[in-house]
C-alpha atoms as a PDB file:
ATOM      1  CA  MET A   1      -3.985   6.650   7.091  1.00  0.00           C
ATOM      2  CA  ASN A   2      -6.162   6.501   3.809  1.00  0.00           C
ATOM      3  CA  LEU A   3      -7.897   9.528   2.250  1.00  0.00           C
ATOM      4  CA  THR A   4     -10.413  10.179  -0.182  1.00  0.00           C
ATOM      5  CA  GLN A   5      -9.268  11.917  -3.550  1.00  0.00           C
ATOM      6  CA  ASP A   6     -11.168  15.112  -1.943  1.00  0.00           C
ATOM      7  CA  ALA A   7      -9.331  15.256   1.207  1.00  0.00           C
ATOM      8  CA  ALA A   8      -6.175  14.398  -0.484  1.00  0.00           C
ATOM      9  CA  GLU A   9      -6.737  17.416  -2.651  1.00  0.00           C
ATOM     10  CA  ALA A  10      -7.469  19.571   0.429  1.00  0.00           C
ATOM     11  CA  ILE A  11      -4.019  18.955   1.506  1.00  0.00           C
ATOM     12  CA  ALA A  12      -2.423  19.225  -1.157  1.00  0.00           C
ATOM     13  CA  LEU A  13      -3.981  22.639  -1.732  1.00  0.00           C
ATOM     14  CA  LYS A  14      -2.592  23.765   1.643  1.00  0.00           C
ATOM     15  CA  CYS A  15       0.634  22.655   0.453  1.00  0.00           C
ATOM     16  CA  LEU A  16       0.603  24.624  -2.763  1.00  0.00           C
ATOM     17  CA  ALA A  17      -0.380  27.662  -0.935  1.00  0.00           C
ATOM     18  CA  TRP A  18       2.286  27.143   1.595  1.00  0.00           C
ATOM     19  CA  LEU A  19       4.747  26.873  -1.533  1.00  0.00           C
ATOM     20  CA  ALA A  20       3.424  29.841  -3.197  1.00  0.00           C
ATOM     21  CA  GLY A  21       3.926  32.004  -0.137  1.00  0.00           C
ATOM     22  CA  ASN A  22       7.314  30.402   0.511  1.00  0.00           C
ATOM     23  CA  ASP A  23       9.749  33.175  -1.194  1.00  0.00           C
ATOM     24  CA  GLU A  24      13.001  30.709  -1.082  1.00  0.00           C
ATOM     25  CA  LEU A  25      11.402  27.666  -2.262  1.00  0.00           C
ATOM     26  CA  LEU A  26       8.900  28.806  -4.725  1.00  0.00           C
ATOM     27  CA  PRO A  27      11.300  29.531  -7.313  1.00  0.00           C
ATOM     28  CA  VAL A  28      13.163  26.347  -6.650  1.00  0.00           C
ATOM     29  CA  PHE A  29       9.597  24.752  -7.603  1.00  0.00           C
ATOM     30  CA  LEU A  30       9.103  26.780 -10.556  1.00  0.00           C
ATOM     31  CA  GLY A  31      12.835  25.840 -11.863  1.00  0.00           C
ATOM     32  CA  ALA A  32      12.660  22.274 -11.305  1.00  0.00           C
ATOM     33  CA  THR A  33       9.267  22.103 -12.863  1.00  0.00           C
ATOM     34  CA  GLY A  34       9.252  24.648 -15.478  1.00  0.00           C
ATOM     35  CA  ALA A  35       5.888  25.790 -13.979  1.00  0.00           C
ATOM     36  CA  SER A  36       4.862  29.261 -14.582  1.00  0.00           C
ATOM     37  CA  GLU A  37       3.031  31.369 -11.868  1.00  0.00           C
ATOM     38  CA  ALA A  38       0.089  31.041 -13.883  1.00  0.00           C
ATOM     39  CA  ASP A  39       0.501  27.124 -14.165  1.00  0.00           C
ATOM     40  CA  LEU A  40       0.037  27.409 -10.405  1.00  0.00           C
ATOM     41  CA  ARG A  41      -3.502  28.865 -10.512  1.00  0.00           C
ATOM     42  CA  ALA A  42      -4.533  26.488 -13.451  1.00  0.00           C
ATOM     43  CA  GLY A  43      -2.862  23.568 -11.739  1.00  0.00           C
ATOM     44  CA  ALA A  44      -4.880  24.274  -8.356  1.00  0.00           C
ATOM     45  CA  GLN A  45      -7.674  22.560 -10.136  1.00  0.00           C
ATOM     46  CA  ASP A  46      -5.374  19.442 -11.578  1.00  0.00           C
ATOM     47  CA  PRO A  47      -5.232  16.592  -9.148  1.00  0.00           C
ATOM     48  CA  GLU A  48      -2.008  15.186 -11.110  1.00  0.00           C
ATOM     49  CA  PHE A  49      -0.415  18.904 -10.799  1.00  0.00           C
ATOM     50  CA  LEU A  50      -1.281  18.754  -6.844  1.00  0.00           C
ATOM     51  CA  GLY A  51       0.377  15.059  -7.006  1.00  0.00           C
ATOM     52  CA  SER A  52       3.382  16.995  -8.175  1.00  0.00           C
ATOM     53  CA  VAL A  53       3.386  19.551  -5.642  1.00  0.00           C
ATOM     54  CA  LEU A  54       3.138  16.941  -2.835  1.00  0.00           C
ATOM     55  CA  ASP A  55       6.012  15.157  -4.950  1.00  0.00           C
ATOM     56  CA  PHE A  56       8.348  18.110  -5.094  1.00  0.00           C
ATOM     57  CA  VAL A  57       7.701  19.027  -1.484  1.00  0.00           C
ATOM     58  CA  MET A  58       8.612  15.441  -0.167  1.00  0.00           C
ATOM     59  CA  MET A  59      12.014  15.677  -1.691  1.00  0.00           C
ATOM     60  CA  ASP A  60      13.302  17.025   1.865  1.00  0.00           C
ATOM     61  CA  ASP A  61      12.130  16.453   5.267  1.00  0.00           C
ATOM     62  CA  ALA A  62      12.829  19.616   6.121  1.00  0.00           C
ATOM     63  CA  TRP A  63      10.086  20.929   3.729  1.00  0.00           C
ATOM     64  CA  VAL A  64       7.593  18.309   5.175  1.00  0.00           C
ATOM     65  CA  VAL A  65       8.211  19.286   8.626  1.00  0.00           C
ATOM     66  CA  ALA A  66       7.975  22.732   7.740  1.00  0.00           C
ATOM     67  CA  PHE A  67       4.871  22.624   5.709  1.00  0.00           C
ATOM     68  CA  CYS A  68       3.138  20.199   8.027  1.00  0.00           C
ATOM     69  CA  ALA A  69       4.067  22.611  11.430  1.00  0.00           C
ATOM     70  CA  GLU A  70       2.252  25.612   9.481  1.00  0.00           C
ATOM     71  CA  ALA A  71      -0.916  23.749   8.318  1.00  0.00           C
ATOM     72  CA  GLY A  72      -1.463  21.786  11.714  1.00  0.00           C
ATOM     73  CA  LEU A  73      -0.848  18.567  10.111  1.00  0.00           C
ATOM     74  CA  GLU A  74       0.873  15.387  10.986  1.00  0.00           C
ATOM     75  CA  ASN A  75       4.226  14.598   9.153  1.00  0.00           C
ATOM     76  CA  THR A  76       2.668  11.815   7.309  1.00  0.00           C
ATOM     77  CA  ALA A  77      -0.376  13.573   5.787  1.00  0.00           C
ATOM     78  CA  PRO A  78       1.526  14.624   2.375  1.00  0.00           C
ATOM     79  CA  MET A  79       2.533  11.028   1.871  1.00  0.00           C
ATOM     80  CA  ALA A  80      -0.949   9.836   2.512  1.00  0.00           C
ATOM     81  CA  ALA A  81      -2.250  12.474   0.345  1.00  0.00           C
ATOM     82  CA  ARG A  82       0.021  11.772  -2.661  1.00  0.00           C
ATOM     83  CA  ALA A  83      -0.958   8.125  -2.635  1.00  0.00           C
ATOM     84  CA  ALA A  84      -4.648   9.168  -2.727  1.00  0.00           C
ATOM     85  CA  LEU A  85      -4.113  11.300  -6.079  1.00  0.00           C
ATOM     86  CA  PRO A  86      -3.282  10.132  -9.350  1.00  0.00           C
ATOM     87  CA  GLY A  87       0.073   8.550 -10.322  1.00  0.00           C
ATOM     88  CA  GLY A  88       0.441   8.360  -6.599  1.00  0.00           C
ATOM     89  CA  ALA A  89       0.107   4.521  -6.069  1.00  0.00           C
ATOM     90  CA  GLN A  90       2.791   2.420  -4.751  1.00  0.00           C
ATOM     91  CA  VAL A  91       4.710   0.280  -6.798  1.00  0.00           C
ATOM     92  CA  HIS A  92       5.278  -3.443  -6.103  1.00  0.00           C
ATOM     93  CA  TRP A  93       8.050  -5.061  -8.139  1.00  0.00           C
ATOM     94  CA  THR A  94       7.337  -8.314  -6.798  1.00  0.00           C
END
């Protein structure tokens, strides 16, 4: 699935909203990233920050499944969105 950056940002914004509404996971994200709640609001407009939200959620398959189930997305959507945002390109070492 190839996405435009706009479509990827839309998925990432849904993920950010899901994360912000998750009382158990939000403090983990804030602690892991050092971000504040004000940073969440500002980051909603920053494609690189949105990429970091997707990176965080993709650390655990259960988080991906929970987000996608609530958002009505395929479980591959976060990875496809991440690939379309800055810094998300696959690195080929060979």
